[in-house]
Each structure stands twice: as structure tokens, then as C-alpha cells.
Protein backbone atom coordinates (compact mmCIF):
# COMPACT_ATOMS: atom_id res chain seq x y z
CA MET A 1 19.08 8.32 -16.08
CA THR A 2 16.56 5.02 -16.24
CA GLU A 3 13.89 5.17 -13.75
CA PRO A 4 14.16 1.93 -11.44
CA ASN A 5 11.11 -0.47 -11.91
CA THR A 6 11.27 -2.16 -8.55
CA LEU A 7 8.45 -2.75 -6.25
CA LEU A 8 10.52 -0.79 -3.46
CA TYR A 9 11.10 2.36 -5.76
CA TYR A 10 7.31 2.79 -6.41
CA LEU A 11 6.51 1.85 -2.97
CA LYS A 12 8.50 4.53 -1.56
CA ARG A 13 7.35 6.95 -4.51
CA SER A 14 3.77 6.14 -3.63
CA THR A 15 4.18 6.46 0.04
CA GLU A 16 5.53 10.04 -0.38
CA PHE A 17 2.60 11.42 -2.83
CA LEU A 18 -0.08 10.13 -0.64
CA GLU A 19 1.64 11.68 2.39
CA LYS A 20 2.01 14.87 0.80
CA LYS A 21 -1.88 14.51 -0.21
CA GLY A 22 -2.48 14.39 3.62
CA ILE A 23 -3.60 10.56 3.58
CA PRO A 24 -3.36 9.31 7.09
CA ASN A 25 -1.47 6.20 6.83
CA PRO A 26 0.13 6.63 3.49
CA ARG A 27 2.75 3.49 3.56
CA ILE A 28 0.28 1.29 4.88
CA ASP A 29 -2.69 2.20 1.95
CA ALA A 30 0.48 2.21 -0.58
CA GLU A 31 1.34 -1.62 0.62
CA TRP A 32 -2.42 -2.69 0.30
CA LEU A 33 -2.82 -1.30 -3.02
CA LEU A 34 0.41 -2.89 -4.15
CA SER A 35 -0.34 -6.27 -2.64
CA ASP A 36 -3.93 -6.55 -3.88
CA LEU A 37 -2.56 -5.61 -7.62
CA LEU A 38 0.50 -7.89 -7.54
CA ASN A 39 -1.93 -10.58 -5.67
CA LEU A 40 0.75 -10.86 -3.00
CA PRO A 41 0.07 -11.18 0.93
CA ARG A 42 1.12 -7.65 2.11
CA ILE A 43 3.71 -9.24 4.43
CA LYS A 44 5.28 -10.75 1.34
CA LEU A 45 6.31 -7.36 -0.03
CA TYR A 46 9.09 -7.19 2.05
CA SER A 47 10.81 -10.19 0.60
CA GLN A 48 10.19 -8.70 -2.75
CA PHE A 49 11.60 -5.17 -2.75
CA GLU A 50 14.08 -5.83 -5.89
CA MET A 51 11.20 -7.61 -8.01
CA PRO A 52 10.71 -5.65 -11.09
CA LEU A 53 7.24 -4.12 -12.17
CA SER A 54 6.18 -4.67 -15.13
CA PRO A 55 4.92 -1.46 -17.29
CA LYS A 56 1.31 -2.37 -17.11
CA GLU A 57 1.63 -2.82 -13.39
CA ILE A 58 3.23 0.47 -13.00
CA GLU A 59 0.58 2.08 -14.76
CA THR A 60 -2.19 0.70 -12.88
CA TYR A 61 -0.25 1.20 -9.57
CA ARG A 62 -0.25 4.64 -10.27
CA GLU A 63 -4.26 4.91 -11.26
CA ARG A 64 -4.99 3.57 -8.00
CA ILE A 65 -2.53 5.54 -6.15
CA VAL A 66 -4.12 8.83 -8.01
CA GLU A 67 -7.22 7.44 -6.77
CA ARG A 68 -6.24 6.93 -3.14
CA SER A 69 -4.66 10.41 -3.10
CA LYS A 70 -8.45 11.84 -3.91
CA LYS A 71 -9.28 10.30 -0.44
CA LYS A 72 -11.12 7.28 -2.34
CA PRO A 73 -11.29 4.49 0.28
CA VAL A 74 -8.66 1.58 -0.44
CA ALA A 75 -11.88 -1.00 -0.24
CA TYR A 76 -13.76 0.60 -3.39
CA ILE A 77 -10.39 0.90 -5.02
CA THR A 78 -9.52 -2.92 -4.80
CA GLY A 79 -13.31 -3.81 -5.00
CA LYS A 80 -12.76 -5.83 -1.42
CA LYS A 81 -12.82 -5.63 2.35
CA GLY A 82 -11.60 -8.37 4.58
CA PHE A 83 -14.52 -9.21 7.22
CA HIS A 84 -14.21 -12.18 9.75
CA LYS A 85 -12.89 -15.14 7.66
CA TYR A 86 -13.33 -13.63 3.89
CA ASP A 87 -12.84 -11.12 1.45
CA PHE A 88 -16.49 -9.64 0.83
CA TYR A 89 -16.76 -7.71 -2.74
CA VAL A 90 -17.98 -3.77 -2.20
CA ASN A 91 -18.60 -0.90 -4.25
CA LYS A 92 -20.23 2.39 -4.05
CA HIS A 93 -23.62 1.08 -3.20
CA THR A 94 -22.48 -0.80 0.11
CA LEU A 95 -20.69 0.65 3.11
CA ILE A 96 -17.11 -0.90 3.71
CA PRO A 97 -17.61 -3.43 6.54
CA ARG A 98 -16.36 -2.24 9.71
CA PRO A 99 -14.54 -4.14 12.69
CA GLU A 100 -17.45 -2.88 14.97
CA THR A 101 -19.97 -4.94 13.04
CA GLU A 102 -17.41 -8.13 12.98
CA GLU A 103 -17.45 -7.85 16.66
CA LEU A 104 -21.15 -7.87 16.41
CA VAL A 105 -20.77 -10.99 14.54
CA ASP A 106 -18.20 -12.84 16.56
CA TRP A 107 -20.39 -12.15 19.79
CA PHE A 108 -23.53 -13.41 17.87
CA TYR A 109 -21.90 -16.73 16.83
CA LYS A 110 -20.05 -17.56 20.16
CA ASP A 111 -23.51 -16.90 21.90
CA SER A 112 -25.63 -18.55 19.47
CA LYS A 113 -25.51 -22.15 21.24
CA ASN A 114 -27.10 -20.48 24.04
CA ILE A 115 -29.52 -18.58 22.23
CA PHE A 116 -30.33 -21.55 19.81
CA SER A 117 -30.02 -24.06 22.69
CA GLU A 118 -33.16 -25.75 21.80
CA ILE A 119 -33.70 -24.83 18.33
CA GLN A 120 -32.76 -26.94 15.29
CA ASN A 121 -32.92 -24.84 12.55
CA PRO A 122 -33.23 -21.34 13.63
CA LYS A 123 -34.47 -18.28 11.47
CA ILE A 124 -32.38 -15.12 11.51
CA LEU A 125 -32.76 -12.05 9.77
CA ASP A 126 -29.92 -9.45 8.60
CA LEU A 127 -32.08 -6.35 8.52
CA CYS A 128 -30.17 -3.51 6.22
CA THR A 129 -27.57 -6.16 4.91
CA GLY A 130 -25.47 -4.02 2.78
CA SER A 131 -22.94 -5.91 1.48
CA GLY A 132 -24.27 -9.12 3.16
CA CYS A 133 -21.01 -9.54 5.48
CA ILE A 134 -23.55 -10.46 8.29
CA ALA A 135 -25.77 -12.67 6.34
CA VAL A 136 -23.06 -14.64 4.56
CA SER A 137 -21.09 -14.72 7.89
CA LEU A 138 -23.86 -16.38 10.09
CA SER A 139 -24.72 -18.61 7.17
CA ARG A 140 -21.24 -19.88 7.05
CA LEU A 141 -20.91 -19.94 10.90
CA ILE A 142 -24.20 -21.32 11.69
CA PRO A 143 -25.00 -23.75 8.62
CA GLN A 144 -28.26 -25.13 10.23
CA ALA A 145 -29.67 -21.59 10.23
CA GLU A 146 -32.03 -20.04 7.91
CA ILE A 147 -30.94 -17.07 6.93
CA TRP A 148 -32.79 -14.19 5.49
CA ALA A 149 -31.64 -10.49 4.32
CA THR A 150 -33.23 -7.46 3.45
CA ASP A 151 -32.19 -3.87 2.57
CA ILE A 152 -33.85 -0.88 0.97
CA SER A 153 -31.59 -0.83 -1.35
CA ASN A 154 -31.69 -3.33 -4.62
CA ASP A 155 -28.26 -2.30 -5.69
CA ALA A 156 -26.85 -3.27 -2.17
CA LEU A 157 -28.56 -6.68 -2.51
CA GLU A 158 -27.31 -7.26 -5.64
CA VAL A 159 -23.55 -7.01 -4.17
CA ALA A 160 -24.77 -8.92 -1.34
CA LYS A 161 -25.90 -11.78 -3.58
CA THR A 162 -22.48 -11.49 -5.07
CA ASN A 163 -20.98 -12.18 -1.86
CA ASP A 164 -23.34 -15.28 -1.14
CA GLU A 165 -23.06 -16.94 -4.70
CA LYS A 166 -19.63 -16.21 -6.19
CA VAL A 167 -17.12 -14.56 -3.39
CA ILE A 168 -17.51 -16.58 -0.78
CA PRO A 169 -17.75 -20.61 -0.45
CA HIS A 170 -21.19 -21.77 -0.36
CA GLY A 171 -22.54 -22.73 3.14
CA THR A 172 -25.22 -25.54 3.23
CA ARG A 173 -28.19 -23.49 2.63
CA GLN A 174 -29.44 -20.42 0.46
CA ILE A 175 -29.75 -17.18 2.10
CA HIS A 176 -33.15 -15.48 1.19
CA PHE A 177 -32.84 -11.98 0.12
CA LEU A 178 -35.75 -9.49 -0.02
CA GLU A 179 -35.78 -5.57 -1.00
CA SER A 180 -37.51 -4.17 1.97
CA ASP A 181 -37.81 -0.64 3.95
CA LEU A 182 -37.26 -2.11 7.29
CA PHE A 183 -40.04 -4.63 7.61
CA LYS A 184 -42.27 -3.33 5.04
CA ASN A 185 -42.04 -5.90 2.71
CA ILE A 186 -41.54 -8.85 5.17
CA SER A 187 -44.95 -10.85 5.54
CA PRO A 188 -46.58 -10.52 8.85
CA ASP A 189 -46.43 -14.11 9.35
CA LEU A 190 -42.79 -14.54 8.85
CA LYS A 191 -41.23 -14.82 12.31
CA PHE A 192 -37.50 -14.71 13.48
CA HIS A 193 -35.80 -16.16 16.09
CA ALA A 194 -32.97 -13.57 16.04
CA ILE A 195 -32.78 -10.21 14.02
CA VAL A 196 -29.42 -9.00 13.54
CA SER A 197 -28.77 -5.49 12.02
CA ASN A 198 -26.29 -2.79 11.49
CA PRO A 199 -28.96 -0.25 10.22
CA PRO A 200 -27.88 3.62 9.45
CA TYR A 201 -27.37 5.32 12.73
CA ILE A 202 -25.64 8.45 12.44
CA PRO A 203 -27.67 11.49 12.56
CA SER A 204 -27.30 13.65 9.95
CA GLU A 205 -26.32 16.57 12.09
CA GLU A 206 -23.26 14.67 12.59
CA LYS A 207 -21.99 14.48 8.72
CA LYS A 208 -19.93 17.59 9.49
CA ASP A 209 -17.56 15.39 11.61
CA ILE A 210 -17.43 12.53 9.11
CA MET A 211 -14.28 11.86 7.51
CA GLU A 212 -14.09 12.69 3.75
CA ASP A 213 -13.26 9.39 2.95
CA VAL A 214 -16.47 8.09 4.08
CA LEU A 215 -18.83 11.22 3.43
CA ASN A 216 -17.75 11.50 -0.31
CA PHE A 217 -17.54 7.81 -0.84
CA GLU A 218 -19.91 5.74 1.03
CA PRO A 219 -23.77 5.38 0.46
CA HIS A 220 -25.64 8.21 2.90
CA LEU A 221 -28.70 6.11 2.67
CA ALA A 222 -26.90 3.50 4.81
CA LEU A 223 -25.30 5.87 7.05
CA PHE A 224 -27.38 8.64 7.98
CA VAL A 225 -30.86 9.06 9.54
CA ASP A 226 -32.64 12.28 10.00
CA ASP A 227 -34.46 11.43 13.02
CA PHE A 228 -32.58 8.65 15.28
CA LYS A 229 -35.38 8.26 17.43
CA ILE A 230 -38.30 7.97 14.81
CA PHE A 231 -36.07 5.79 12.54
CA HIS A 232 -35.22 3.42 15.57
CA SER A 233 -38.70 3.46 16.87
CA HIS A 234 -39.97 2.05 13.60
CA LEU A 235 -37.38 -0.64 13.65
CA LEU A 236 -37.95 -1.73 17.47
CA GLN A 237 -41.76 -1.99 16.71
CA GLY A 238 -41.41 -3.79 13.37
CA ALA A 239 -38.41 -6.20 15.14
CA LEU A 240 -40.91 -6.79 18.12
CA SER A 241 -43.79 -8.01 15.72
CA HIS A 242 -41.35 -10.16 13.78
CA LEU A 243 -39.88 -12.07 16.43
CA VAL A 244 -40.85 -15.29 18.18
CA ILE A 245 -41.38 -15.18 22.02
CA GLY A 246 -38.09 -15.44 23.70
CA GLY A 247 -36.45 -14.42 19.95
CA ILE A 248 -33.85 -11.53 20.43
CA LEU A 249 -32.93 -8.25 18.47
CA ALA A 250 -29.02 -7.53 18.42
CA LEU A 251 -28.58 -4.05 17.26
CA GLU A 252 -25.02 -2.19 16.18
CA THR A 253 -25.84 1.24 17.00
CA HIS A 254 -24.64 4.99 17.92
CA PRO A 255 -23.01 4.97 21.28
CA ASP A 256 -24.75 8.32 22.54
CA PHE A 257 -28.34 6.20 22.05
CA ALA A 258 -27.46 2.79 23.72
CA GLU A 259 -29.40 3.52 26.67
CA TRP A 260 -32.07 5.45 24.78
CA ILE A 261 -32.88 2.25 22.69
CA MET A 262 -32.84 -0.17 25.74
CA GLU A 263 -35.44 2.14 27.59
CA GLU A 264 -37.55 2.56 24.07
CA GLY A 265 -37.40 -1.33 23.59
CA LYS A 266 -38.47 -1.87 27.35
CA LYS A 267 -41.48 0.55 26.81
CA ILE A 268 -42.82 -0.90 23.84
CA GLY A 269 -42.65 -4.60 25.02
CA TYR A 270 -39.44 -6.11 25.25
CA SER A 271 -38.98 -8.34 28.15
CA GLU A 272 -35.27 -7.65 28.95
CA GLY A 273 -32.10 -6.17 27.57
CA GLU A 274 -28.26 -5.83 27.73
CA ILE A 275 -25.66 -3.05 26.46
CA LYS A 276 -22.42 -4.34 25.00
CA ASN A 277 -19.54 -2.35 24.80
CA ASP A 278 -17.16 -2.49 21.55
CA SER A 279 -13.41 -3.22 21.82
CA SER A 280 -13.14 0.74 22.38
CA HIS A 281 -15.22 0.56 25.40
CA LYS A 282 -18.08 2.40 23.60
CA GLN A 283 -21.78 1.21 24.12
CA ARG A 284 -22.06 -0.11 20.46
CA PHE A 285 -24.48 -3.06 21.09
CA VAL A 286 -27.79 -3.51 22.28
CA VAL A 287 -29.43 -6.83 22.73
CA LEU A 288 -33.61 -6.76 23.44
CA LYS A 289 -35.29 -10.10 24.06
CA LYS A 290 -38.97 -10.64 23.47
């Protein structure tokens, strides 16, 4: 008997295969991989169940499903991840953008009119930019701003540049990209009205608790810190010296360390601060003012 070649047949088979391999959301992942392959919105698959797949599409889909069965994240298989209004290009050199970081961008943008109420062309730094999701999103949301983006990894910066130049429609201003270990290569004279950052913040000792999808595929340089307090002390001090008076530092961080960051920040010279919860009610964001 000839094997069916319909979309629904391969979707069902792929879901069953991923389920046997212990993938947490097999049907959703199977749908994402297929919708991306066919360049169809995922919801449109439901009206195309009887659509025949070509031999090439079947072969490519099988390859993608096998990759996912080995715990490779869907975003690394498709090469993109939705963030804010756009699909961002991602690869093994960058973290996959998270909903929490999207919340940080949303909050910062909504508050930007208050933050920059008397500043015509604010300077904003995205420290540890990775894929550039913060910098590129803010450059489109706040087109009058001058955006800088830094990362210790040149490979990550190349991804961020690709997102700025090719993937995301151009804003009115170019982003300034700079390879730098925190503030090491940033001129002491360069000051910012705001520094926004999703730096590495998972203590190395927590690796044992991290999902295989993350631990085996995402860059450890962007995820883990050997000593949280030493790393963030350098970050807080560097940010303080590169902020104008009244400037703010907005950090995504580990919920267990939010209170410490607040206390440490005030200890070294920030005038005030606030801890903000994410949508899961965890203390995920710290905002400090110079």
C-alpha cells in the first residue's frame, strides 16, 4: 500500500515520533517546523490537512523532526525566533530570545516617554546584546534614539548586525556595534541616558537544573556566570561610570539576586531603584537610577 503524502499524515507521524523521544510539546513543535518549512502561518495548517507534500518537503521535514528529537531547539532548526514585532535570526552563537526579555523591552518602551521626557535624542546602550533583539527592537520603537550594542562575542555581534541590516526593516538610525567584555572597550567619555541589558546571570552551579535543550545547544558564555556577585559588581560599577546624571540601568536578572543587586547598586552610588516582577510574578527586573 502506498504511503500517504498529505500534510496531516506527516504531522501525525512526526508528533508520535517526537512524543516517543520525550519532547515536551510534540504536536506544537511538529506544527512549527512544518509551518516554517511550508512558509505558512501555523494556524493555516488546519485548513490544509489534505495538501500533498512534495518528496523534497517530506525529506526536509523528516530531517527537521530528527533534529528536534535530539533536543535541538526549534529556533535553531528554523534559524529564527519571534520577538516583539519581528522574527529574529538566531544561531548557535546567540541565546534564543525569551519572553522575559520581551517584557523588559515592553516596559522600557512604555516608560521611555517619562525616562526621556526632556531628551530629544537619547543615547541607549544594549549591553550583552546577543542576537540584538533588545537593540534592534528599541531602535525601531524609539527611532530618535542613538543605539549602541555590545557583546563579548564577535560571532554574536555578526548575528545582531544581520538582524539590524537584513532581517528587520531599517529604522531611521544605524546601531553602533562594538565588541567588548562589559565596558572594557567603551570609551570612558561615552555616556548613556539608559543602559538596558540581559547579561548572563545563571550561576554555574545551577547547570544541573537546566533543560537539555538549553544546556546542550545555547552558548554558555551568554547564560552562565561562575560568580554572580563579582560579575554583577563589575557590571554595576561600569554602568554607573557610563551613565549621565539621571540615567537609568535596566537589568534582567536572576530572581534570587534581585534584592542583592538593588542593595549593591545603592551601596556603590545609585540614587534610587526598583524591582519589577515578570508575568510569572518573579523578581526578574531591576531598575537603578544614577
